[in-house]
PDB file of N, CA and C in Angstrom:
ATOM      1  N   UNK A   1       0.853  -1.202   0.000  1.00  0.00           N
ATOM      2  CA  UNK A   1       0.000   0.000   0.000  1.00  0.00           C
ATOM      3  C   UNK A   1       0.883   1.243   0.000  1.00  0.00           C
ATOM      4  N   UNK A   2       0.782   2.015  -1.044  1.00  0.00           N
ATOM      5  CA  UNK A   2       1.597   3.229  -1.151  1.00  0.00           C
ATOM      6  C   UNK A   2       0.897   4.403  -0.469  1.00  0.00           C
ATOM      7  N   UNK A   3       1.671   5.189   0.235  1.00  0.00           N
ATOM      8  CA  UNK A   3       1.141   6.372   0.914  1.00  0.00           C
ATOM      9  C   UNK A   3       1.133   7.557  -0.050  1.00  0.00           C
ATOM     10  N   UNK A   4       0.121   8.407   0.091  1.00  0.00           N
ATOM     11  CA  UNK A   4       0.089   9.664  -0.687  1.00  0.00           C
ATOM     12  C   UNK A   4       1.093  10.618  -0.065  1.00  0.00           C
ATOM     13  N   UNK A   5       1.722  11.419  -0.889  1.00  0.00           N
ATOM     14  CA  UNK A   5       2.640  12.445  -0.409  1.00  0.00           C
ATOM     15  C   UNK A   5       1.943  13.793  -0.536  1.00  0.00           C
ATOM     16  N   UNK A   6       1.815  14.496   0.571  1.00  0.00           N
ATOM     17  CA  UNK A   6       1.225  15.832   0.573  1.00  0.00           C
ATOM     18  C   UNK A   6       2.288  16.802   1.081  1.00  0.00           C
ATOM     19  N   UNK A   7       2.230  18.029   0.619  1.00  0.00           N
ATOM     20  CA  UNK A   7       3.198  19.034   1.077  1.00  0.00           C
ATOM     21  C   UNK A   7       2.464  20.287   1.514  1.00  0.00           C
ATOM     22  N   UNK A   8       2.957  20.874   2.573  1.00  0.00           N
ATOM     23  CA  UNK A   8       2.389  22.158   2.979  1.00  0.00           C
ATOM     24  C   UNK A   8       2.941  23.238   2.049  1.00  0.00           C
ATOM     25  N   UNK A   9       2.240  24.368   2.003  1.00  0.00           N
ATOM     26  CA  UNK A   9       2.735  25.502   1.209  1.00  0.00           C
ATOM     27  C   UNK A   9       4.102  25.936   1.707  1.00  0.00           C
ATOM     28  N   UNK A  10       4.286  25.868   3.022  1.00  0.00           N
ATOM     29  CA  UNK A  10       5.558  26.271   3.615  1.00  0.00           C
ATOM     30  C   UNK A  10       6.707  25.388   3.096  1.00  0.00           C
ATOM     31  N   UNK A  11       6.476  24.084   3.052  1.00  0.00           N
ATOM     32  CA  UNK A  11       7.511  23.166   2.548  1.00  0.00           C
ATOM     33  C   UNK A  11       7.813  23.451   1.078  1.00  0.00           C
ATOM     34  N   UNK A  12       6.771  23.698   0.293  1.00  0.00           N
ATOM     35  CA  UNK A  12       6.959  24.017  -1.134  1.00  0.00           C
ATOM     36  C   UNK A  12       7.804  25.278  -1.292  1.00  0.00           C
ATOM     37  N   UNK A  13       7.470  26.288  -0.478  1.00  0.00           N
ATOM     38  CA  UNK A  13       8.184  27.567  -0.526  1.00  0.00           C
ATOM     39  C   UNK A  13       9.647  27.387  -0.110  1.00  0.00           C
ATOM     40  N   UNK A  14       9.879  26.602   0.939  1.00  0.00           N
ATOM     41  CA  UNK A  14      11.252  26.364   1.404  1.00  0.00           C
ATOM     42  C   UNK A  14      12.060  25.637   0.330  1.00  0.00           C
ATOM     43  N   UNK A  15      11.434  24.660  -0.318  1.00  0.00           N
ATOM     44  CA  UNK A  15      12.133  23.918  -1.364  1.00  0.00           C
ATOM     45  C   UNK A  15      12.489  24.842  -2.532  1.00  0.00           C
ATOM     46  N   UNK A  16      11.547  25.687  -2.922  1.00  0.00           N
ATOM     47  CA  UNK A  16      11.814  26.662  -3.994  1.00  0.00           C
ATOM     48  C   UNK A  16      12.990  27.563  -3.621  1.00  0.00           C
ATOM     49  N   UNK A  17      12.963  28.063  -2.388  1.00  0.00           N
ATOM     50  CA  UNK A  17      14.044  28.949  -1.930  1.00  0.00           C
ATOM     51  C   UNK A  17      15.402  28.244  -1.969  1.00  0.00           C
ATOM     52  N   UNK A  18      15.438  26.993  -1.553  1.00  0.00           N
ATOM     53  CA  UNK A  18      16.684  26.216  -1.543  1.00  0.00           C
ATOM     54  C   UNK A  18      17.220  26.096  -2.971  1.00  0.00           C
ATOM     55  N   UNK A  19      16.340  25.729  -3.903  1.00  0.00           N
ATOM     56  CA  UNK A  19      16.769  25.519  -5.290  1.00  0.00           C
ATOM     57  C   UNK A  19      17.228  26.837  -5.922  1.00  0.00           C
ATOM     58  N   UNK A  20      16.488  27.926  -5.683  1.00  0.00           N
ATOM     59  CA  UNK A  20      16.913  29.231  -6.209  1.00  0.00           C
ATOM     60  C   UNK A  20      18.258  29.636  -5.613  1.00  0.00           C
ATOM     61  N   UNK A  21      18.436  29.386  -4.331  1.00  0.00           N
ATOM     62  CA  UNK A  21      19.694  29.734  -3.670  1.00  0.00           C
ATOM     63  C   UNK A  21      20.857  28.965  -4.303  1.00  0.00           C
ATOM     64  N   UNK A  22      20.676  27.666  -4.495  1.00  0.00           N
ATOM     65  CA  UNK A  22      21.753  26.842  -5.076  1.00  0.00           C
ATOM     66  C   UNK A  22      22.063  27.312  -6.500  1.00  0.00           C
ATOM     67  N   UNK A  23      21.025  27.585  -7.274  1.00  0.00           N
ATOM     68  CA  UNK A  23      21.233  28.043  -8.658  1.00  0.00           C
ATOM     69  C   UNK A  23      21.996  29.368  -8.664  1.00  0.00           C
ATOM     70  N   UNK A  24      21.599  30.249  -7.775  1.00  0.00           N
ATOM     71  CA  UNK A  24      22.223  31.567  -7.669  1.00  0.00           C
ATOM     72  C   UNK A  24      23.664  31.450  -7.181  1.00  0.00           C
ATOM     73  N   UNK A  25      23.845  30.649  -6.132  1.00  0.00           N
ATOM     74  CA  UNK A  25      25.150  30.493  -5.493  1.00  0.00           C
ATOM     75  C   UNK A  25      26.155  29.807  -6.418  1.00  0.00           C
ATOM     76  N   UNK A  26      25.692  28.770  -7.119  1.00  0.00           N
ATOM     77  CA  UNK A  26      26.602  28.010  -7.979  1.00  0.00           C
ATOM     78  C   UNK A  26      26.676  28.607  -9.379  1.00  0.00           C
ATOM     79  N   UNK A  27      25.702  29.451  -9.723  1.00  0.00           N
ATOM     80  CA  UNK A  27      25.655  29.993 -11.072  1.00  0.00           C
ATOM     81  C   UNK A  27      25.278  28.933 -12.097  1.00  0.00           C
ATOM     82  N   UNK A  28      24.719  27.827 -11.623  1.00  0.00           N
ATOM     83  CA  UNK A  28      24.432  26.702 -12.516  1.00  0.00           C
ATOM     84  C   UNK A  28      23.070  26.104 -12.187  1.00  0.00           C
ATOM     85  N   UNK A  29      22.119  26.292 -13.093  1.00  0.00           N
ATOM     86  CA  UNK A  29      20.773  25.744 -12.887  1.00  0.00           C
ATOM     87  C   UNK A  29      20.806  24.218 -12.833  1.00  0.00           C
ATOM     88  N   UNK A  30      21.717  23.607 -13.577  1.00  0.00           N
ATOM     89  CA  UNK A  30      21.834  22.142 -13.596  1.00  0.00           C
ATOM     90  C   UNK A  30      22.139  21.581 -12.222  1.00  0.00           C
ATOM     91  N   UNK A  31      23.057  22.240 -11.505  1.00  0.00           N
ATOM     92  CA  UNK A  31      23.414  21.815 -10.142  1.00  0.00           C
ATOM     93  C   UNK A  31      22.193  21.881  -9.234  1.00  0.00           C
ATOM     94  N   UNK A  32      21.427  22.962  -9.364  1.00  0.00           N
ATOM     95  CA  UNK A  32      20.229  23.145  -8.546  1.00  0.00           C
ATOM     96  C   UNK A  32      19.194  22.065  -8.865  1.00  0.00           C
ATOM     97  N   UNK A  33      19.029  21.758 -10.141  1.00  0.00           N
ATOM     98  CA  UNK A  33      18.037  20.751 -10.540  1.00  0.00           C
ATOM     99  C   UNK A  33      18.449  19.351 -10.094  1.00  0.00           C
ATOM    100  N   UNK A  34      19.746  19.069 -10.105  1.00  0.00           N
ATOM    101  CA  UNK A  34      20.231  17.771  -9.593  1.00  0.00           C
ATOM    102  C   UNK A  34      19.916  17.639  -8.109  1.00  0.00           C
ATOM    103  N   UNK A  35      20.105  18.725  -7.373  1.00  0.00           N
ATOM    104  CA  UNK A  35      19.827  18.711  -5.935  1.00  0.00           C
ATOM    105  C   UNK A  35      18.328  18.554  -5.692  1.00  0.00           C
ATOM    106  N   UNK A  36      17.526  19.263  -6.499  1.00  0.00           N
ATOM    107  CA  UNK A  36      16.074  19.134  -6.405  1.00  0.00           C
ATOM    108  C   UNK A  36      15.676  17.678  -6.619  1.00  0.00           C
ATOM    109  N   UNK A  37      16.300  17.035  -7.595  1.00  0.00           N
ATOM    110  CA  UNK A  37      16.017  15.637  -7.898  1.00  0.00           C
ATOM    111  C   UNK A  37      16.322  14.739  -6.692  1.00  0.00           C
ATOM    112  N   UNK A  38      17.429  15.008  -6.001  1.00  0.00           N
ATOM    113  CA  UNK A  38      17.787  14.223  -4.808  1.00  0.00           C
ATOM    114  C   UNK A  38      16.732  14.364  -3.718  1.00  0.00           C
ATOM    115  N   UNK A  39      16.282  15.604  -3.510  1.00  0.00           N
ATOM    116  CA  UNK A  39      15.267  15.850  -2.479  1.00  0.00           C
ATOM    117  C   UNK A  39      13.948  15.183  -2.875  1.00  0.00           C
ATOM    118  N   UNK A  40      13.558  15.342  -4.145  1.00  0.00           N
ATOM    119  CA  UNK A  40      12.306  14.743  -4.622  1.00  0.00           C
ATOM    120  C   UNK A  40      12.350  13.214  -4.498  1.00  0.00           C
ATOM    121  N   UNK A  41      13.489  12.619  -4.810  1.00  0.00           N
ATOM    122  CA  UNK A  41      13.643  11.163  -4.711  1.00  0.00           C
ATOM    123  C   UNK A  41      13.465  10.716  -3.267  1.00  0.00           C
ATOM    124  N   UNK A  42      14.088  11.437  -2.343  1.00  0.00           N
ATOM    125  CA  UNK A  42      13.975  11.100  -0.915  1.00  0.00           C
ATOM    126  C   UNK A  42      12.527  11.219  -0.447  1.00  0.00           C
ATOM    127  N   UNK A  43      11.841  12.283  -0.886  1.00  0.00           N
ATOM    128  CA  UNK A  43      10.438  12.487  -0.498  1.00  0.00           C
ATOM    129  C   UNK A  43       9.553  11.387  -1.093  1.00  0.00           C
ATOM    130  N   UNK A  44       9.750  11.085  -2.369  1.00  0.00           N
ATOM    131  CA  UNK A  44       8.921  10.072  -3.022  1.00  0.00           C
ATOM    132  C   UNK A  44       9.120   8.688  -2.420  1.00  0.00           C
ATOM    133  N   UNK A  45      10.318   8.419  -1.922  1.00  0.00           N
ATOM    134  CA  UNK A  45      10.608   7.139  -1.278  1.00  0.00           C
ATOM    135  C   UNK A  45       9.736   6.946  -0.032  1.00  0.00           C
ATOM    136  N   UNK A  46       9.349   8.061   0.598  1.00  0.00           N
ATOM    137  CA  UNK A  46       8.501   7.978   1.783  1.00  0.00           C
ATOM    138  C   UNK A  46       7.125   7.402   1.461  1.00  0.00           C
ATOM    139  N   UNK A  47       6.701   7.503   0.204  1.00  0.00           N
ATOM    140  CA  UNK A  47       5.444   6.893  -0.213  1.00  0.00           C
ATOM    141  C   UNK A  47       5.473   5.386  -0.041  1.00  0.00           C
ATOM    142  N   UNK A  48       6.650   4.808  -0.275  1.00  0.00           N
ATOM    143  CA  UNK A  48       6.844   3.357  -0.126  1.00  0.00           C
ATOM    144  C   UNK A  48       7.263   2.991   1.297  1.00  0.00           C
ATOM    145  N   UNK A  49       8.118   3.825   1.885  1.00  0.00           N
ATOM    146  CA  UNK A  49       8.700   3.515   3.198  1.00  0.00           C
ATOM    147  C   UNK A  49       8.520   4.690   4.153  1.00  0.00           C
ATOM    148  N   UNK A  50       7.287   4.922   4.604  1.00  0.00           N
ATOM    149  CA  UNK A  50       7.026   6.114   5.435  1.00  0.00           C
ATOM    150  C   UNK A  50       7.787   6.126   6.762  1.00  0.00           C
ATOM    151  N   UNK A  51       8.135   4.950   7.271  1.00  0.00           N
ATOM    152  CA  UNK A  51       8.832   4.890   8.561  1.00  0.00           C
ATOM    153  C   UNK A  51      10.347   5.015   8.416  1.00  0.00           C
ATOM    154  N   UNK A  52      10.831   5.215   7.198  1.00  0.00           N
ATOM    155  CA  UNK A  52      12.284   5.205   6.982  1.00  0.00           C
ATOM    156  C   UNK A  52      12.996   6.419   7.572  1.00  0.00           C
ATOM    157  N   UNK A  53      12.271   7.502   7.812  1.00  0.00           N
ATOM    158  CA  UNK A  53      12.899   8.669   8.428  1.00  0.00           C
ATOM    159  C   UNK A  53      13.193   8.420   9.890  1.00  0.00           C
ATOM    160  N   UNK A  54      14.124   9.177  10.426  1.00  0.00           N
ATOM    161  CA  UNK A  54      14.457   8.984  11.842  1.00  0.00           C
ATOM    162  C   UNK A  54      13.647   9.942  12.712  1.00  0.00           C
ATOM    163  N   UNK A  55      13.717   9.700  14.005  1.00  0.00           N
ATOM    164  CA  UNK A  55      13.005  10.547  14.964  1.00  0.00           C
ATOM    165  C   UNK A  55      13.914  11.729  15.298  1.00  0.00           C
ATOM    166  N   UNK A  56      13.382  12.955  15.248  1.00  0.00           N
ATOM    167  CA  UNK A  56      14.226  14.139  15.501  1.00  0.00           C
ATOM    168  C   UNK A  56      14.780  14.164  16.923  1.00  0.00           C
ATOM    169  N   UNK A  57      15.911  14.833  17.074  1.00  0.00           N
ATOM    170  CA  UNK A  57      16.548  14.844  18.392  1.00  0.00           C
ATOM    171  C   UNK A  57      15.869  15.818  19.354  1.00  0.00           C
ATOM    172  N   UNK A  58      15.185  16.834  18.829  1.00  0.00           N
ATOM    173  CA  UNK A  58      14.491  17.774  19.718  1.00  0.00           C
ATOM    174  C   UNK A  58      13.214  17.128  20.237  1.00  0.00           C
ATOM    175  N   UNK A  59      13.069  17.089  21.563  1.00  0.00           N
ATOM    176  CA  UNK A  59      11.929  16.376  22.137  1.00  0.00           C
ATOM    177  C   UNK A  59      10.592  16.992  21.747  1.00  0.00           C
ATOM    178  N   UNK A  60      10.555  18.308  21.554  1.00  0.00           N
ATOM    179  CA  UNK A  60       9.294  18.952  21.172  1.00  0.00           C
ATOM    180  C   UNK A  60       8.823  18.436  19.811  1.00  0.00           C
ATOM    181  N   UNK A  61       9.746  18.238  18.883  1.00  0.00           N
ATOM    182  CA  UNK A  61       9.397  17.719  17.558  1.00  0.00           C
ATOM    183  C   UNK A  61       9.021  16.247  17.638  1.00  0.00           C
ATOM    184  N   UNK A  62       9.739  15.533  18.494  1.00  0.00           N
ATOM    185  CA  UNK A  62       9.479  14.116  18.710  1.00  0.00           C
ATOM    186  C   UNK A  62       8.057  13.929  19.242  1.00  0.00           C
ATOM    187  N   UNK A  63       7.707  14.729  20.251  1.00  0.00           N
ATOM    188  CA  UNK A  63       6.377  14.639  20.873  1.00  0.00           C
ATOM    189  C   UNK A  63       5.266  14.963  19.889  1.00  0.00           C
ATOM    190  N   UNK A  64       5.553  15.864  18.959  1.00  0.00           N
ATOM    191  CA  UNK A  64       4.534  16.250  17.968  1.00  0.00           C
ATOM    192  C   UNK A  64       4.418  15.236  16.830  1.00  0.00           C
ATOM    193  N   UNK A  65       5.255  14.201  16.868  1.00  0.00           N
ATOM    194  CA  UNK A  65       5.133  13.121  15.895  1.00  0.00           C
ATOM    195  C   UNK A  65       5.883  13.320  14.591  1.00  0.00           C
ATOM    196  N   UNK A  66       6.814  14.262  14.567  1.00  0.00           N
ATOM    197  CA  UNK A  66       7.590  14.459  13.342  1.00  0.00           C
ATOM    198  C   UNK A  66       8.609  13.345  13.159  1.00  0.00           C
ATOM    199  N   UNK A  67       8.917  13.088  11.904  1.00  0.00           N
ATOM    200  CA  UNK A  67      10.055  12.248  11.534  1.00  0.00           C
ATOM    201  C   UNK A  67      10.896  13.106  10.586  1.00  0.00           C
ATOM    202  N   UNK A  68      12.136  12.682  10.364  1.00  0.00           N
ATOM    203  CA  UNK A  68      13.016  13.494   9.526  1.00  0.00           C
ATOM    204  C   UNK A  68      13.843  12.613   8.596  1.00  0.00           C
ATOM    205  N   UNK A  69      13.995  13.088   7.365  1.00  0.00           N
ATOM    206  CA  UNK A  69      14.865  12.451   6.382  1.00  0.00           C
ATOM    207  C   UNK A  69      15.964  13.455   6.072  1.00  0.00           C
ATOM    208  N   UNK A  70      17.190  12.965   6.026  1.00  0.00           N
ATOM    209  CA  UNK A  70      18.326  13.840   5.744  1.00  0.00           C
ATOM    210  C   UNK A  70      18.722  13.676   4.276  1.00  0.00           C
ATOM    211  N   UNK A  71      18.790  14.805   3.582  1.00  0.00           N
ATOM    212  CA  UNK A  71      19.272  14.812   2.189  1.00  0.00           C
ATOM    213  C   UNK A  71      20.445  15.780   2.153  1.00  0.00           C
ATOM    214  N   UNK A  72      21.639  15.220   2.156  1.00  0.00           N
ATOM    215  CA  UNK A  72      22.869  16.003   2.241  1.00  0.00           C
ATOM    216  C   UNK A  72      22.780  16.957   3.423  1.00  0.00           C
ATOM    217  N   UNK A  73      22.723  18.271   3.154  1.00  0.00           N
ATOM    218  CA  UNK A  73      22.726  19.173   4.310  1.00  0.00           C
ATOM    219  C   UNK A  73      21.327  19.659   4.695  1.00  0.00           C
ATOM    220  N   UNK A  74      20.306  19.126   4.051  1.00  0.00           N
ATOM    221  CA  UNK A  74      18.935  19.543   4.360  1.00  0.00           C
ATOM    222  C   UNK A  74      18.153  18.459   5.091  1.00  0.00           C
ATOM    223  N   UNK A  75      17.218  18.915   5.905  1.00  0.00           N
ATOM    224  CA  UNK A  75      16.366  18.021   6.683  1.00  0.00           C
ATOM    225  C   UNK A  75      14.934  18.185   6.197  1.00  0.00           C
ATOM    226  N   UNK A  76      14.296  17.077   5.913  1.00  0.00           N
ATOM    227  CA  UNK A  76      12.900  17.079   5.470  1.00  0.00           C
ATOM    228  C   UNK A  76      12.064  16.546   6.633  1.00  0.00           C
ATOM    229  N   UNK A  77      11.231  17.412   7.194  1.00  0.00           N
ATOM    230  CA  UNK A  77      10.385  17.034   8.331  1.00  0.00           C
ATOM    231  C   UNK A  77       8.994  16.655   7.836  1.00  0.00           C
ATOM    232  N   UNK A  78       8.508  15.526   8.345  1.00  0.00           N
ATOM    233  CA  UNK A  78       7.191  15.060   7.910  1.00  0.00           C
ATOM    234  C   UNK A  78       6.485  14.310   9.033  1.00  0.00           C
ATOM    235  N   UNK A  79       5.190  14.099   8.819  1.00  0.00           N
ATOM    236  CA  UNK A  79       4.389  13.281   9.717  1.00  0.00           C
ATOM    237  C   UNK A  79       3.651  12.250   8.876  1.00  0.00           C
ATOM    238  N   UNK A  80       3.339  11.142   9.501  1.00  0.00           N
ATOM    239  CA  UNK A  80       2.600  10.077   8.826  1.00  0.00           C
ATOM    240  C   UNK A  80       1.168  10.102   9.344  1.00  0.00           C
ATOM    241  N   UNK A  81       0.215  10.084   8.423  1.00  0.00           N
ATOM    242  CA  UNK A  81      -1.188   9.980   8.794  1.00  0.00           C
ATOM    243  C   UNK A  81      -1.653   8.582   8.395  1.00  0.00           C
ATOM    244  N   UNK A  82      -1.799   7.700   9.392  1.00  0.00           N
ATOM    245  CA  UNK A  82      -2.180   6.315   9.112  1.00  0.00           C
ATOM    246  C   UNK A  82      -3.630   6.203   8.663  1.00  0.00           C
ATOM    247  N   UNK A  83      -4.466   7.145   9.099  1.00  0.00           N
ATOM    248  CA  UNK A  83      -5.890   7.076   8.769  1.00  0.00           C
ATOM    249  C   UNK A  83      -6.107   7.161   7.263  1.00  0.00           C
ATOM    250  N   UNK A  84      -5.520   8.192   6.629  1.00  0.00           N
ATOM    251  CA  UNK A  84      -5.715   8.296   5.178  1.00  0.00           C
ATOM    252  C   UNK A  84      -4.464   7.897   4.392  1.00  0.00           C
ATOM    253  N   UNK A  85      -3.572   7.167   5.059  1.00  0.00           N
ATOM    254  CA  UNK A  85      -2.372   6.636   4.398  1.00  0.00           C
ATOM    255  C   UNK A  85      -1.636   7.721   3.616  1.00  0.00           C
ATOM    256  N   UNK A  86      -1.239   8.763   4.356  1.00  0.00           N
ATOM    257  CA  UNK A  86      -0.509   9.842   3.699  1.00  0.00           C
ATOM    258  C   UNK A  86       0.713  10.244   4.520  1.00  0.00           C
ATOM    259  N   UNK A  87       1.650  10.837   3.822  1.00  0.00           N
ATOM    260  CA  UNK A  87       2.848  11.417   4.418  1.00  0.00           C
ATOM    261  C   UNK A  87       2.760  12.908   4.122  1.00  0.00           C
ATOM    262  N   UNK A  88       2.808  13.722   5.173  1.00  0.00           N
ATOM    263  CA  UNK A  88       2.707  15.175   4.984  1.00  0.00           C
ATOM    264  C   UNK A  88       4.066  15.800   5.231  1.00  0.00           C
ATOM    265  N   UNK A  89       4.591  16.462   4.206  1.00  0.00           N
ATOM    266  CA  UNK A  89       5.885  17.142   4.306  1.00  0.00           C
ATOM    267  C   UNK A  89       5.601  18.533   4.876  1.00  0.00           C
ATOM    268  N   UNK A  90       6.194  18.821   6.042  1.00  0.00           N
ATOM    269  CA  UNK A  90       5.948  20.098   6.711  1.00  0.00           C
ATOM    270  C   UNK A  90       7.040  21.128   6.488  1.00  0.00           C
ATOM    271  N   UNK A  91       8.286  20.680   6.386  1.00  0.00           N
ATOM    272  CA  UNK A  91       9.375  21.650   6.282  1.00  0.00           C
ATOM    273  C   UNK A  91      10.598  20.995   5.652  1.00  0.00           C
ATOM    274  N   UNK A  92      11.360  21.814   4.926  1.00  0.00           N
ATOM    275  CA  UNK A  92      12.639  21.383   4.349  1.00  0.00           C
ATOM    276  C   UNK A  92      13.627  22.484   4.724  1.00  0.00           C
ATOM    277  N   UNK A  93      14.521  22.167   5.648  1.00  0.00           N
ATOM    278  CA  UNK A  93      15.387  23.205   6.209  1.00  0.00           C
ATOM    279  C   UNK A  93      16.857  22.790   6.174  1.00  0.00           C
ATOM    280  N   UNK A  94      17.707  23.789   6.274  1.00  0.00           N
ATOM    281  CA  UNK A  94      19.151  23.564   6.322  1.00  0.00           C
ATOM    282  C   UNK A  94      19.512  23.017   7.699  1.00  0.00           C
ATOM    283  N   UNK A  95      20.105  21.848   7.734  1.00  0.00           N
ATOM    284  CA  UNK A  95      20.446  21.192   8.996  1.00  0.00           C
ATOM    285  C   UNK A  95      21.529  21.901   9.785  1.00  0.00           C
ATOM    286  N   UNK A  96      22.203  22.866   9.161  1.00  0.00           N
ATOM    287  CA  UNK A  96      23.270  23.587   9.868  1.00  0.00           C
ATOM    288  C   UNK A  96      22.711  24.750  10.672  1.00  0.00           C
ATOM    289  N   UNK A  97      21.419  25.018  10.524  1.00  0.00           N
ATOM    290  CA  UNK A  97      20.810  26.121  11.269  1.00  0.00           C
ATOM    291  C   UNK A  97      19.974  25.569  12.418  1.00  0.00           C
ATOM    292  N   UNK A  98      19.660  26.438  13.354  1.00  0.00           N
ATOM    293  CA  UNK A  98      18.737  26.049  14.423  1.00  0.00           C
ATOM    294  C   UNK A  98      17.358  25.989  13.794  1.00  0.00           C
ATOM    295  N   UNK A  99      16.865  24.803  13.608  1.00  0.00           N
ATOM    296  CA  UNK A  99      15.672  24.651  12.786  1.00  0.00           C
ATOM    297  C   UNK A  99      14.393  24.429  13.555  1.00  0.00           C
ATOM    298  N   UNK A 100      14.442  24.120  14.843  1.00  0.00           N
ATOM    299  CA  UNK A 100      13.187  23.733  15.516  1.00  0.00           C
ATOM    300  C   UNK A 100      12.159  24.853  15.543  1.00  0.00           C
ATOM    301  N   UNK A 101      12.597  26.097  15.378  1.00  0.00           N
ATOM    302  CA  UNK A 101      11.630  27.193  15.335  1.00  0.00           C
ATOM    303  C   UNK A 101      11.215  27.551  13.908  1.00  0.00           C
ATOM    304  N   UNK A 102      11.711  26.813  12.928  1.00  0.00           N
ATOM    305  CA  UNK A 102      11.368  27.081  11.526  1.00  0.00           C
ATOM    306  C   UNK A 102      10.167  26.263  11.062  1.00  0.00           C
ATOM    307  N   UNK A 103       9.763  25.320  11.907  1.00  0.00           N
ATOM    308  CA  UNK A 103       8.705  24.386  11.472  1.00  0.00           C
ATOM    309  C   UNK A 103       7.344  24.935  11.872  1.00  0.00           C
TER     310      UNK A 103
END
């Protein structure tokens, strides 16, 4: 049974910002699109393996039921909804920053 992947507007916006930043920083749209592909692959894998993400180290996030997938230097935060068999992507943030207040 495959889970549906849903994304919040915030996660979509964060992903767009990341890709624009990489394209701008590297001066190469190809590099940005390759990175986007890595993130998309990791997210799509959650449809098959929703439990594959780890439990976040911050207890507040843990208590709220978030799980996290690491894609290079970014963290993808999501929750699993067993009732409607969906994975909801809430945030995609840079793991080098203090992120618990970004979600």
